C-alpha atoms as a PDB file:
ATOM      1  CA  MET A   1      -1.598 -12.837  41.665  1.00  0.00           C
ATOM      2  CA  ILE A   2       1.051 -12.320  38.965  1.00  0.00           C
ATOM      3  CA  LYS A   3       1.656 -15.150  36.530  1.00  0.00           C
ATOM      4  CA  ILE A   4       5.089 -15.434  34.953  1.00  0.00           C
ATOM      5  CA  GLN A   5       5.228 -17.332  31.704  1.00  0.00           C
ATOM      6  CA  LYS A   6       8.340 -18.535  29.922  1.00  0.00           C
ATOM      7  CA  ILE A   7       8.358 -17.533  26.259  1.00  0.00           C
ATOM      8  CA  GLU A   8      10.411 -18.703  23.332  1.00  0.00           C
ATOM      9  CA  LYS A   9      13.163 -16.612  21.736  1.00  0.00           C
ATOM     10  CA  GLU A  10      11.059 -15.994  18.601  1.00  0.00           C
ATOM     11  CA  GLN A  11       8.176 -14.678  20.691  1.00  0.00           C
ATOM     12  CA  LEU A  12      10.563 -12.447  22.620  1.00  0.00           C
ATOM     13  CA  GLU A  13      11.975 -10.942  19.419  1.00  0.00           C
ATOM     14  CA  ARG A  14       8.456 -10.101  18.168  1.00  0.00           C
ATOM     15  CA  ILE A  15       7.629  -7.995  21.221  1.00  0.00           C
ATOM     16  CA  LYS A  16       7.514  -4.303  20.415  1.00  0.00           C
ATOM     17  CA  GLY A  17       7.534  -1.973  23.330  1.00  0.00           C
ATOM     18  CA  GLY A  18       8.385   1.528  24.370  1.00  0.00           C
ATOM     19  CA  ALA A  19       8.510   3.687  21.270  1.00  0.00           C
ATOM     20  CA  ALA A  20       4.986   4.314  20.045  1.00  0.00           C
ATOM     21  CA  ILE A  21       6.209   6.861  17.485  1.00  0.00           C
ATOM     22  CA  SER A  22       8.355   5.670  14.612  1.00  0.00           C
ATOM     23  CA  VAL A  23      11.239   7.685  13.170  1.00  0.00           C
ATOM     24  CA  TRP A  24       9.205   8.675  10.115  1.00  0.00           C
ATOM     25  CA  THR A  25       6.332   9.905  12.276  1.00  0.00           C
ATOM     26  CA  GLY A  26       8.775  12.036  14.268  1.00  0.00           C
ATOM     27  CA  ILE A  27      10.224  13.494  11.058  1.00  0.00           C
ATOM     28  CA  ALA A  28       6.734  14.279   9.739  1.00  0.00           C
ATOM     29  CA  ILE A  29       5.739  16.011  12.988  1.00  0.00           C
ATOM     30  CA  ALA A  30       8.967  18.045  12.951  1.00  0.00           C
ATOM     31  CA  ALA A  31       8.352  19.083   9.328  1.00  0.00           C
ATOM     32  CA  ILE A  32       4.806  20.232  10.146  1.00  0.00           C
ATOM     33  CA  VAL A  33       6.054  22.243  13.136  1.00  0.00           C
ATOM     34  CA  VAL A  34       8.760  23.933  11.018  1.00  0.00           C
ATOM     35  CA  PHE A  35       6.249  24.732   8.264  1.00  0.00           C
ATOM     36  CA  LEU A  36       3.704  26.186  10.691  1.00  0.00           C
ATOM     37  CA  SER A  37       6.362  28.291  12.424  1.00  0.00           C
ATOM     38  CA  GLY A  38       7.307  29.712   9.009  1.00  0.00           C
ATOM     39  CA  VAL A  39       3.676  30.534   8.249  1.00  0.00           C
ATOM     40  CA  ILE A  40       3.227  32.241  11.624  1.00  0.00           C
ATOM     41  CA  GLU A  41       6.446  34.217  11.157  1.00  0.00           C
ATOM     42  CA  GLY A  42       5.283  35.286   7.696  1.00  0.00           C
ATOM     43  CA  ILE A  43       1.986  36.529   9.111  1.00  0.00           C
ATOM     44  CA  THR A  44       3.504  38.358  12.074  1.00  0.00           C
ATOM     45  CA  ASN A  45       6.541  39.785  10.230  1.00  0.00           C
ATOM     46  CA  PRO A  46       5.632  40.351   6.565  1.00  0.00           C
ATOM     47  CA  GLU A  47       8.387  41.600   4.273  1.00  0.00           C
ATOM     48  CA  LYS A  48       8.332  42.501   0.592  1.00  0.00           C
ATOM     49  CA  CYS A  49      10.232  40.374  -1.860  1.00  0.00           C
ATOM     50  CA  ASN A  50      13.500  41.935  -2.986  1.00  0.00           C
ATOM     51  CA  SER A  51      13.323  42.469  -6.730  1.00  0.00           C
END
């Protein structure tokens, strides 16, 4: 049986749902992916520095 409970507006505003990953976590993950792709490209396609 499903119970439905009426909640106050303050309780409703405190509910966090849906997005488990914050914006900063997404930015950090993207930065790590970009860094690792650069490292892999450097290993697979090494070039000398132009001097």
